[in-house]
Amino acid sequence: MYWNMAQQLAHHTVNGCNIHGGDMMASGTISGPTPDSFGSMLEISWQGTKSITLSDGTERKFIQDKDTVIMKGYCHNEDVRIGFGELSTKVLPSK
């Protein structure tokens, strides 16, 4: 990663953001150099130049209106796994 977590925390608070104990910080997408290690749809679709085949056979390059986006996360070590739950939302068309 380009910035370590201490640097990210400093950047987050420089404009007066009030951080409390227990607040969750995230670094964003962490990806690797090969297609099987890409961490975002933008990378997987090669910036929208390559289609992604979904489980129902349809192809996409970007998220579309009325799509449901689900995000899940966890961290683990050899002793424990901690889940951060699930977030689900529907993409609405702009007005």
PDB file of N, CA and C in Angstrom:
ATOM      1  N   MET A   1       0.833  -1.174   0.000  1.00  0.00           N
ATOM      2  CA  MET A   1       0.000   0.000   0.000  1.00  0.00           C
ATOM      3  C   MET A   1       0.882   1.242   0.000  1.00  0.00           C
ATOM      4  N   TYR A   2       0.369   2.290  -0.605  1.00  0.00           N
ATOM      5  CA  TYR A   2       1.133   3.529  -0.719  1.00  0.00           C
ATOM      6  C   TYR A   2       1.223   4.253   0.626  1.00  0.00           C
ATOM      7  N   TRP A   3       0.089   4.329   1.354  1.00  0.00           N
ATOM      8  CA  TRP A   3       0.052   5.000   2.653  1.00  0.00           C
ATOM      9  C   TRP A   3      -0.190   3.955   3.736  1.00  0.00           C
ATOM     10  N   ASN A   4       0.547   4.052   4.856  1.00  0.00           N
ATOM     11  CA  ASN A   4       0.254   3.137   5.960  1.00  0.00           C
ATOM     12  C   ASN A   4      -0.958   3.667   6.736  1.00  0.00           C
ATOM     13  N   MET A   5      -1.500   2.857   7.655  1.00  0.00           N
ATOM     14  CA  MET A   5      -2.735   3.245   8.340  1.00  0.00           C
ATOM     15  C   MET A   5      -2.547   4.494   9.204  1.00  0.00           C
ATOM     16  N   ALA A   6      -1.390   4.677   9.814  1.00  0.00           N
ATOM     17  CA  ALA A   6      -1.152   5.892  10.608  1.00  0.00           C
ATOM     18  C   ALA A   6      -1.211   7.139   9.725  1.00  0.00           C
ATOM     19  N   GLN A   7      -0.651   7.062   8.528  1.00  0.00           N
ATOM     20  CA  GLN A   7      -0.703   8.192   7.595  1.00  0.00           C
ATOM     21  C   GLN A   7      -2.139   8.435   7.122  1.00  0.00           C
ATOM     22  N   GLN A   8      -2.888   7.367   6.886  1.00  0.00           N
ATOM     23  CA  GLN A   8      -4.282   7.523   6.470  1.00  0.00           C
ATOM     24  C   GLN A   8      -5.110   8.168   7.577  1.00  0.00           C
ATOM     25  N   LEU A   9      -4.867   7.773   8.817  1.00  0.00           N
ATOM     26  CA  LEU A   9      -5.572   8.367   9.949  1.00  0.00           C
ATOM     27  C   LEU A   9      -5.245   9.853  10.066  1.00  0.00           C
ATOM     28  N   ALA A  10      -3.976  10.211   9.930  1.00  0.00           N
ATOM     29  CA  ALA A  10      -3.579  11.623   9.981  1.00  0.00           C
ATOM     30  C   ALA A  10      -4.259  12.419   8.867  1.00  0.00           C
ATOM     31  N   HIS A  11      -4.288  11.875   7.673  1.00  0.00           N
ATOM     32  CA  HIS A  11      -4.935  12.548   6.547  1.00  0.00           C
ATOM     33  C   HIS A  11      -6.432  12.731   6.811  1.00  0.00           C
ATOM     34  N   HIS A  12      -7.047  11.725   7.392  1.00  0.00           N
ATOM     35  CA  HIS A  12      -8.485  11.768   7.661  1.00  0.00           C
ATOM     36  C   HIS A  12      -8.833  12.869   8.666  1.00  0.00           C
ATOM     37  N   THR A  13      -7.964  13.098   9.632  1.00  0.00           N
ATOM     38  CA  THR A  13      -8.262  14.061  10.699  1.00  0.00           C
ATOM     39  C   THR A  13      -7.746  15.472  10.439  1.00  0.00           C
ATOM     40  N   VAL A  14      -6.942  15.677   9.404  1.00  0.00           N
ATOM     41  CA  VAL A  14      -6.290  16.965   9.183  1.00  0.00           C
ATOM     42  C   VAL A  14      -7.296  18.116   9.025  1.00  0.00           C
ATOM     43  N   ASN A  15      -8.494  17.831   8.551  1.00  0.00           N
ATOM     44  CA  ASN A  15      -9.508  18.878   8.384  1.00  0.00           C
ATOM     45  C   ASN A  15     -10.526  18.895   9.516  1.00  0.00           C
ATOM     46  N   GLY A  16     -10.194  18.234  10.628  1.00  0.00           N
ATOM     47  CA  GLY A  16     -11.049  18.310  11.802  1.00  0.00           C
ATOM     48  C   GLY A  16     -12.031  17.168  11.972  1.00  0.00           C
ATOM     49  N   CYS A  17     -11.910  16.103  11.207  1.00  0.00           N
ATOM     50  CA  CYS A  17     -12.800  14.959  11.369  1.00  0.00           C
ATOM     51  C   CYS A  17     -12.607  14.371  12.767  1.00  0.00           C
ATOM     52  N   ASN A  18     -13.694  14.151  13.463  1.00  0.00           N
ATOM     53  CA  ASN A  18     -13.659  13.694  14.846  1.00  0.00           C
ATOM     54  C   ASN A  18     -13.622  12.166  14.890  1.00  0.00           C
ATOM     55  N   ILE A  19     -12.469  11.589  15.175  1.00  0.00           N
ATOM     56  CA  ILE A  19     -12.297  10.137  15.244  1.00  0.00           C
ATOM     57  C   ILE A  19     -12.450   9.684  16.694  1.00  0.00           C
ATOM     58  N   HIS A  20     -13.155   8.572  16.892  1.00  0.00           N
ATOM     59  CA  HIS A  20     -13.357   8.007  18.226  1.00  0.00           C
ATOM     60  C   HIS A  20     -12.810   6.588  18.277  1.00  0.00           C
ATOM     61  N   GLY A  21     -12.481   6.126  19.481  1.00  0.00           N
ATOM     62  CA  GLY A  21     -12.084   4.737  19.658  1.00  0.00           C
ATOM     63  C   GLY A  21     -13.182   3.815  19.143  1.00  0.00           C
ATOM     64  N   GLY A  22     -12.817   2.809  18.384  1.00  0.00           N
ATOM     65  CA  GLY A  22     -13.792   1.884  17.812  1.00  0.00           C
ATOM     66  C   GLY A  22     -14.243   2.250  16.419  1.00  0.00           C
ATOM     67  N   ASP A  23     -13.931   3.467  15.946  1.00  0.00           N
ATOM     68  CA  ASP A  23     -14.259   3.829  14.563  1.00  0.00           C
ATOM     69  C   ASP A  23     -13.475   2.936  13.612  1.00  0.00           C
ATOM     70  N   MET A  24     -14.113   2.514  12.547  1.00  0.00           N
ATOM     71  CA  MET A  24     -13.457   1.645  11.580  1.00  0.00           C
ATOM     72  C   MET A  24     -12.856   2.474  10.459  1.00  0.00           C
ATOM     73  N   MET A  25     -11.613   2.201  10.152  1.00  0.00           N
ATOM     74  CA  MET A  25     -10.931   2.855   9.039  1.00  0.00           C
ATOM     75  C   MET A  25     -10.709   1.812   7.952  1.00  0.00           C
ATOM     76  N   ALA A  26     -10.801   2.216   6.714  1.00  0.00           N
ATOM     77  CA  ALA A  26     -10.590   1.291   5.603  1.00  0.00           C
ATOM     78  C   ALA A  26      -9.623   1.912   4.608  1.00  0.00           C
ATOM     79  N   SER A  27      -8.836   1.082   3.992  1.00  0.00           N
ATOM     80  CA  SER A  27      -7.819   1.567   3.064  1.00  0.00           C
ATOM     81  C   SER A  27      -8.316   1.643   1.632  1.00  0.00           C
ATOM     82  N   GLY A  28      -9.460   1.056   1.355  1.00  0.00           N
ATOM     83  CA  GLY A  28      -9.932   0.968  -0.021  1.00  0.00           C
ATOM     84  C   GLY A  28      -9.503  -0.342  -0.635  1.00  0.00           C
ATOM     85  N   THR A  29      -9.638  -0.441  -1.928  1.00  0.00           N
ATOM     86  CA  THR A  29      -9.331  -1.685  -2.618  1.00  0.00           C
ATOM     87  C   THR A  29      -7.840  -1.981  -2.576  1.00  0.00           C
ATOM     88  N   ILE A  30      -7.508  -3.174  -2.132  1.00  0.00           N
ATOM     89  CA  ILE A  30      -6.124  -3.642  -2.165  1.00  0.00           C
ATOM     90  C   ILE A  30      -6.076  -4.761  -3.188  1.00  0.00           C
ATOM     91  N   SER A  31      -5.317  -4.565  -4.228  1.00  0.00           N
ATOM     92  CA  SER A  31      -5.277  -5.497  -5.343  1.00  0.00           C
ATOM     93  C   SER A  31      -3.871  -6.022  -5.557  1.00  0.00           C
ATOM     94  N   GLY A  32      -3.794  -7.077  -6.339  1.00  0.00           N
ATOM     95  CA  GLY A  32      -2.510  -7.636  -6.722  1.00  0.00           C
ATOM     96  C   GLY A  32      -2.252  -7.411  -8.199  1.00  0.00           C
ATOM     97  N   PRO A  33      -1.145  -7.910  -8.706  1.00  0.00           N
ATOM     98  CA  PRO A  33      -0.739  -7.642 -10.086  1.00  0.00           C
ATOM     99  C   PRO A  33      -1.379  -8.540 -11.146  1.00  0.00           C
ATOM    100  N   THR A  34      -2.082  -9.586 -10.719  1.00  0.00           N
ATOM    101  CA  THR A  34      -2.646 -10.535 -11.685  1.00  0.00           C
ATOM    102  C   THR A  34      -4.167 -10.491 -11.656  1.00  0.00           C
ATOM    103  N   PRO A  35      -4.840 -10.865 -12.754  1.00  0.00           N
ATOM    104  CA  PRO A  35      -6.306 -10.791 -12.814  1.00  0.00           C
ATOM    105  C   PRO A  35      -7.022 -11.513 -11.672  1.00  0.00           C
ATOM    106  N   ASP A  36      -6.478 -12.615 -11.173  1.00  0.00           N
ATOM    107  CA  ASP A  36      -7.146 -13.319 -10.078  1.00  0.00           C
ATOM    108  C   ASP A  36      -6.985 -12.607  -8.735  1.00  0.00           C
ATOM    109  N   SER A  37      -6.227 -11.520  -8.699  1.00  0.00           N
ATOM    110  CA  SER A  37      -6.050 -10.764  -7.460  1.00  0.00           C
ATOM    111  C   SER A  37      -6.601  -9.345  -7.553  1.00  0.00           C
ATOM    112  N   PHE A  38      -7.314  -9.020  -8.641  1.00  0.00           N
ATOM    113  CA  PHE A  38      -7.923  -7.703  -8.764  1.00  0.00           C
ATOM    114  C   PHE A  38      -9.008  -7.554  -7.706  1.00  0.00           C
ATOM    115  N   GLY A  39      -9.182  -6.341  -7.189  1.00  0.00           N
ATOM    116  CA  GLY A  39     -10.098  -6.124  -6.083  1.00  0.00           C
ATOM    117  C   GLY A  39     -11.310  -5.275  -6.391  1.00  0.00           C
ATOM    118  N   SER A  40     -11.497  -4.852  -7.633  1.00  0.00           N
ATOM    119  CA  SER A  40     -12.662  -4.028  -7.954  1.00  0.00           C
ATOM    120  C   SER A  40     -13.178  -4.372  -9.346  1.00  0.00           C
ATOM    121  N   MET A  41     -14.439  -4.034  -9.580  1.00  0.00           N
ATOM    122  CA  MET A  41     -15.028  -4.290 -10.896  1.00  0.00           C
ATOM    123  C   MET A  41     -14.313  -3.486 -11.978  1.00  0.00           C
ATOM    124  N   LEU A  42     -13.862  -2.288 -11.641  1.00  0.00           N
ATOM    125  CA  LEU A  42     -13.144  -1.461 -12.611  1.00  0.00           C
ATOM    126  C   LEU A  42     -11.871  -2.155 -13.080  1.00  0.00           C
ATOM    127  N   GLU A  43     -11.177  -2.806 -12.155  1.00  0.00           N
ATOM    128  CA  GLU A  43      -9.972  -3.546 -12.535  1.00  0.00           C
ATOM    129  C   GLU A  43     -10.319  -4.816 -13.309  1.00  0.00           C
ATOM    130  N   ILE A  44     -11.319  -5.553 -12.824  1.00  0.00           N
ATOM    131  CA  ILE A  44     -11.694  -6.813 -13.472  1.00  0.00           C
ATOM    132  C   ILE A  44     -12.147  -6.569 -14.909  1.00  0.00           C
ATOM    133  N   SER A  45     -12.872  -5.454 -15.136  1.00  0.00           N
ATOM    134  CA  SER A  45     -13.351  -5.139 -16.492  1.00  0.00           C
ATOM    135  C   SER A  45     -12.320  -4.338 -17.289  1.00  0.00           C
ATOM    136  N   TRP A  46     -11.147  -4.194 -16.733  1.00  0.00           N
ATOM    137  CA  TRP A  46     -10.059  -3.450 -17.380  1.00  0.00           C
ATOM    138  C   TRP A  46     -10.546  -2.069 -17.814  1.00  0.00           C
ATOM    139  N   GLN A  47     -11.081  -1.319 -16.829  1.00  0.00           N
ATOM    140  CA  GLN A  47     -11.627   0.028 -17.018  1.00  0.00           C
ATOM    141  C   GLN A  47     -12.759   0.059 -18.035  1.00  0.00           C
ATOM    142  N   GLY A  48     -13.584  -0.988 -18.022  1.00  0.00           N
ATOM    143  CA  GLY A  48     -14.751  -1.038 -18.897  1.00  0.00           C
ATOM    144  C   GLY A  48     -14.465  -1.459 -20.320  1.00  0.00           C
ATOM    145  N   THR A  49     -13.275  -1.967 -20.588  1.00  0.00           N
ATOM    146  CA  THR A  49     -12.945  -2.399 -21.949  1.00  0.00           C
ATOM    147  C   THR A  49     -13.137  -3.898 -22.156  1.00  0.00           C
ATOM    148  N   LYS A  50     -13.331  -4.655 -21.065  1.00  0.00           N
ATOM    149  CA  LYS A  50     -13.553  -6.100 -21.157  1.00  0.00           C
ATOM    150  C   LYS A  50     -14.824  -6.456 -20.397  1.00  0.00           C
ATOM    151  N   SER A  51     -15.668  -7.268 -20.994  1.00  0.00           N
ATOM    152  CA  SER A  51     -16.912  -7.679 -20.345  1.00  0.00           C
ATOM    153  C   SER A  51     -16.649  -8.726 -19.272  1.00  0.00           C
ATOM    154  N   ILE A  52     -17.500  -8.716 -18.256  1.00  0.00           N
ATOM    155  CA  ILE A  52     -17.506  -9.724 -17.200  1.00  0.00           C
ATOM    156  C   ILE A  52     -18.757 -10.567 -17.405  1.00  0.00           C
ATOM    157  N   THR A  53     -18.628 -11.877 -17.436  1.00  0.00           N
ATOM    158  CA  THR A  53     -19.784 -12.754 -17.579  1.00  0.00           C
ATOM    159  C   THR A  53     -20.318 -13.090 -16.192  1.00  0.00           C
ATOM    160  N   LEU A  54     -21.601 -12.774 -15.971  1.00  0.00           N
ATOM    161  CA  LEU A  54     -22.241 -13.047 -14.689  1.00  0.00           C
ATOM    162  C   LEU A  54     -22.749 -14.485 -14.651  1.00  0.00           C
ATOM    163  N   SER A  55     -23.190 -14.924 -13.478  1.00  0.00           N
ATOM    164  CA  SER A  55     -23.619 -16.316 -13.308  1.00  0.00           C
ATOM    165  C   SER A  55     -24.817 -16.677 -14.176  1.00  0.00           C
ATOM    166  N   ASP A  56     -25.641 -15.687 -14.558  1.00  0.00           N
ATOM    167  CA  ASP A  56     -26.798 -15.980 -15.421  1.00  0.00           C
ATOM    168  C   ASP A  56     -26.460 -15.881 -16.908  1.00  0.00           C
ATOM    169  N   GLY A  57     -25.185 -15.641 -17.225  1.00  0.00           N
ATOM    170  CA  GLY A  57     -24.741 -15.585 -18.615  1.00  0.00           C
ATOM    171  C   GLY A  57     -24.708 -14.198 -19.226  1.00  0.00           C
ATOM    172  N   THR A  58     -25.318 -13.211 -18.557  1.00  0.00           N
ATOM    173  CA  THR A  58     -25.266 -11.851 -19.091  1.00  0.00           C
ATOM    174  C   THR A  58     -23.863 -11.283 -18.912  1.00  0.00           C
ATOM    175  N   GLU A  59     -23.561 -10.274 -19.706  1.00  0.00           N
ATOM    176  CA  GLU A  59     -22.243  -9.646 -19.630  1.00  0.00           C
ATOM    177  C   GLU A  59     -22.375  -8.192 -19.214  1.00  0.00           C
ATOM    178  N   ARG A  60     -21.415  -7.719 -18.445  1.00  0.00           N
ATOM    179  CA  ARG A  60     -21.389  -6.343 -17.965  1.00  0.00           C
ATOM    180  C   ARG A  60     -19.985  -5.795 -18.039  1.00  0.00           C
ATOM    181  N   LYS A  61     -19.899  -4.481 -18.171  1.00  0.00           N
ATOM    182  CA  LYS A  61     -18.629  -3.771 -18.044  1.00  0.00           C
ATOM    183  C   LYS A  61     -18.663  -2.826 -16.848  1.00  0.00           C
ATOM    184  N   PHE A  62     -19.871  -2.410 -16.458  1.00  0.00           N
ATOM    185  CA  PHE A  62     -20.064  -1.500 -15.342  1.00  0.00           C
ATOM    186  C   PHE A  62     -21.319  -1.907 -14.584  1.00  0.00           C
ATOM    187  N   ILE A  63     -21.459  -1.424 -13.363  1.00  0.00           N
ATOM    188  CA  ILE A  63     -22.697  -1.584 -12.608  1.00  0.00           C
ATOM    189  C   ILE A  63     -23.767  -0.763 -13.307  1.00  0.00           C
ATOM    190  N   GLN A  64     -25.006  -1.268 -13.320  1.00  0.00           N
ATOM    191  CA  GLN A  64     -26.095  -0.587 -14.012  1.00  0.00           C
ATOM    192  C   GLN A  64     -27.209  -0.207 -13.049  1.00  0.00           C
ATOM    193  N   ASP A  65     -28.065   0.731 -13.487  1.00  0.00           N
ATOM    194  CA  ASP A  65     -29.243   1.096 -12.708  1.00  0.00           C
ATOM    195  C   ASP A  65     -30.038  -0.158 -12.376  1.00  0.00           C
ATOM    196  N   LYS A  66     -30.580  -0.185 -11.174  1.00  0.00           N
ATOM    197  CA  LYS A  66     -31.399  -1.267 -10.626  1.00  0.00           C
ATOM    198  C   LYS A  66     -30.594  -2.506 -10.233  1.00  0.00           C
ATOM    199  N   ASP A  67     -29.266  -2.479 -10.386  1.00  0.00           N
ATOM    200  CA  ASP A  67     -28.432  -3.570  -9.868  1.00  0.00           C
ATOM    201  C   ASP A  67     -28.445  -3.523  -8.343  1.00  0.00           C
ATOM    202  N   THR A  68     -28.312  -4.666  -7.721  1.00  0.00           N
ATOM    203  CA  THR A  68     -28.116  -4.741  -6.283  1.00  0.00           C
ATOM    204  C   THR A  68     -26.639  -5.000  -6.026  1.00  0.00           C
ATOM    205  N   VAL A  69     -26.050  -4.166  -5.188  1.00  0.00           N
ATOM    206  CA  VAL A  69     -24.639  -4.300  -4.836  1.00  0.00           C
ATOM    207  C   VAL A  69     -24.568  -4.798  -3.397  1.00  0.00           C
ATOM    208  N   ILE A  70     -23.826  -5.877  -3.183  1.00  0.00           N
ATOM    209  CA  ILE A  70     -23.662  -6.456  -1.850  1.00  0.00           C
ATOM    210  C   ILE A  70     -22.177  -6.454  -1.512  1.00  0.00           C
ATOM    211  N   MET A  71     -21.847  -5.904  -0.349  1.00  0.00           N
ATOM    212  CA  MET A  71     -20.460  -5.904   0.118  1.00  0.00           C
ATOM    213  C   MET A  71     -20.388  -6.658   1.441  1.00  0.00           C
ATOM    214  N   LYS A  72     -19.367  -7.496   1.567  1.00  0.00           N
ATOM    215  CA  LYS A  72     -19.119  -8.247   2.794  1.00  0.00           C
ATOM    216  C   LYS A  72     -17.641  -8.104   3.128  1.00  0.00           C
ATOM    217  N   GLY A  73     -17.310  -8.201   4.381  1.00  0.00           N
ATOM    218  CA  GLY A  73     -15.904  -8.117   4.741  1.00  0.00           C
ATOM    219  C   GLY A  73     -15.587  -8.891   6.003  1.00  0.00           C
ATOM    220  N   TYR A  74     -14.348  -9.306   6.110  1.00  0.00           N
ATOM    221  CA  TYR A  74     -13.864  -9.953   7.321  1.00  0.00           C
ATOM    222  C   TYR A  74     -12.348  -9.833   7.371  1.00  0.00           C
ATOM    223  N   CYS A  75     -11.821 -10.045   8.544  1.00  0.00           N
ATOM    224  CA  CYS A  75     -10.374 -10.185   8.690  1.00  0.00           C
ATOM    225  C   CYS A  75     -10.130 -11.420   9.543  1.00  0.00           C
ATOM    226  N   HIS A  76      -8.942 -11.971   9.424  1.00  0.00           N
ATOM    227  CA  HIS A  76      -8.667 -13.195  10.181  1.00  0.00           C
ATOM    228  C   HIS A  76      -7.172 -13.357  10.409  1.00  0.00           C
ATOM    229  N   ASN A  77      -6.882 -14.167  11.371  1.00  0.00           N
ATOM    230  CA  ASN A  77      -5.519 -14.661  11.561  1.00  0.00           C
ATOM    231  C   ASN A  77      -5.639 -16.155  11.839  1.00  0.00           C
ATOM    232  N   GLU A  78      -4.585 -16.775  12.325  1.00  0.00           N
ATOM    233  CA  GLU A  78      -4.641 -18.220  12.523  1.00  0.00           C
ATOM    234  C   GLU A  78      -5.581 -18.633  13.656  1.00  0.00           C
ATOM    235  N   ASP A  79      -5.982 -17.693  14.515  1.00  0.00           N
ATOM    236  CA  ASP A  79      -6.809 -18.029  15.674  1.00  0.00           C
ATOM    237  C   ASP A  79      -8.260 -17.577  15.593  1.00  0.00           C
ATOM    238  N   VAL A  80      -8.528 -16.518  14.853  1.00  0.00           N
ATOM    239  CA  VAL A  80      -9.874 -15.942  14.898  1.00  0.00           C
ATOM    240  C   VAL A  80     -10.242 -15.297  13.564  1.00  0.00           C
ATOM    241  N   ARG A  81     -11.529 -15.270  13.289  1.00  0.00           N
ATOM    242  CA  ARG A  81     -12.058 -14.565  12.120  1.00  0.00           C
ATOM    243  C   ARG A  81     -13.143 -13.611  12.620  1.00  0.00           C
ATOM    244  N   ILE A  82     -13.056 -12.353  12.225  1.00  0.00           N
ATOM    245  CA  ILE A  82     -14.030 -11.341  12.625  1.00  0.00           C
ATOM    246  C   ILE A  82     -14.731 -10.843  11.374  1.00  0.00           C
ATOM    247  N   GLY A  83     -16.058 -10.980  11.350  1.00  0.00           N
ATOM    248  CA  GLY A  83     -16.845 -10.499  10.223  1.00  0.00           C
ATOM    249  C   GLY A  83     -17.353  -9.093  10.474  1.00  0.00           C
ATOM    250  N   PHE A  84     -17.478  -8.315   9.412  1.00  0.00           N
ATOM    251  CA  PHE A  84     -17.986  -6.952   9.515  1.00  0.00           C
ATOM    252  C   PHE A  84     -19.414  -6.849   9.008  1.00  0.00           C
ATOM    253  N   GLY A  85     -20.061  -7.987   8.787  1.00  0.00           N
ATOM    254  CA  GLY A  85     -21.440  -7.986   8.348  1.00  0.00           C
ATOM    255  C   GLY A  85     -21.573  -7.797   6.854  1.00  0.00           C
ATOM    256  N   GLU A  86     -22.791  -7.467   6.443  1.00  0.00           N
ATOM    257  CA  GLU A  86     -23.106  -7.339   5.020  1.00  0.00           C
ATOM    258  C   GLU A  86     -23.844  -6.029   4.781  1.00  0.00           C
ATOM    259  N   LEU A  87     -23.507  -5.387   3.697  1.00  0.00           N
ATOM    260  CA  LEU A  87     -24.188  -4.173   3.257  1.00  0.00           C
ATOM    261  C   LEU A  87     -24.787  -4.458   1.894  1.00  0.00           C
ATOM    262  N   SER A  88     -26.060  -4.150   1.720  1.00  0.00           N
ATOM    263  CA  SER A  88     -26.732  -4.392   0.445  1.00  0.00           C
ATOM    264  C   SER A  88     -27.519  -3.146   0.061  1.00  0.00           C
ATOM    265  N   THR A  89     -27.403  -2.737  -1.195  1.00  0.00           N
ATOM    266  CA  THR A  89     -28.151  -1.574  -1.661  1.00  0.00           C
ATOM    267  C   THR A  89     -28.483  -1.720  -3.137  1.00  0.00           C
ATOM    268  N   LYS A  90     -29.521  -1.052  -3.566  1.00  0.00           N
ATOM    269  CA  LYS A  90     -29.933  -1.075  -4.967  1.00  0.00           C
ATOM    270  C   LYS A  90     -29.514   0.233  -5.626  1.00  0.00           C
ATOM    271  N   VAL A  91     -28.928   0.146  -6.819  1.00  0.00           N
ATOM    272  CA  VAL A  91     -28.501   1.331  -7.561  1.00  0.00           C
ATOM    273  C   VAL A  91     -29.731   1.948  -8.226  1.00  0.00           C
ATOM    274  N   LEU A  92     -30.029   3.190  -7.884  1.00  0.00           N
ATOM    275  CA  LEU A  92     -31.188   3.882  -8.441  1.00  0.00           C
ATOM    276  C   LEU A  92     -30.764   4.784  -9.595  1.00  0.00           C
ATOM    277  N   PRO A  93     -31.632   4.923 -10.598  1.00  0.00           N
ATOM    278  CA  PRO A  93     -31.298   5.826 -11.710  1.00  0.00           C
ATOM    279  C   PRO A  93     -31.222   7.272 -11.220  1.00  0.00           C
ATOM    280  N   SER A  94     -30.369   8.070 -11.844  1.00  0.00           N
ATOM    281  CA  SER A  94     -30.300   9.484 -11.481  1.00  0.00           C
ATOM    282  C   SER A  94     -31.552  10.190 -11.975  1.00  0.00           C
ATOM    283  N   LYS A  95     -31.877  11.294 -11.335  1.00  0.00           N
ATOM    284  CA  LYS A  95     -33.085  12.044 -11.715  1.00  0.00           C
ATOM    285  C   LYS A  95     -32.739  13.159 -12.666  1.00  0.00           C
TER     286      LYS A  95
END
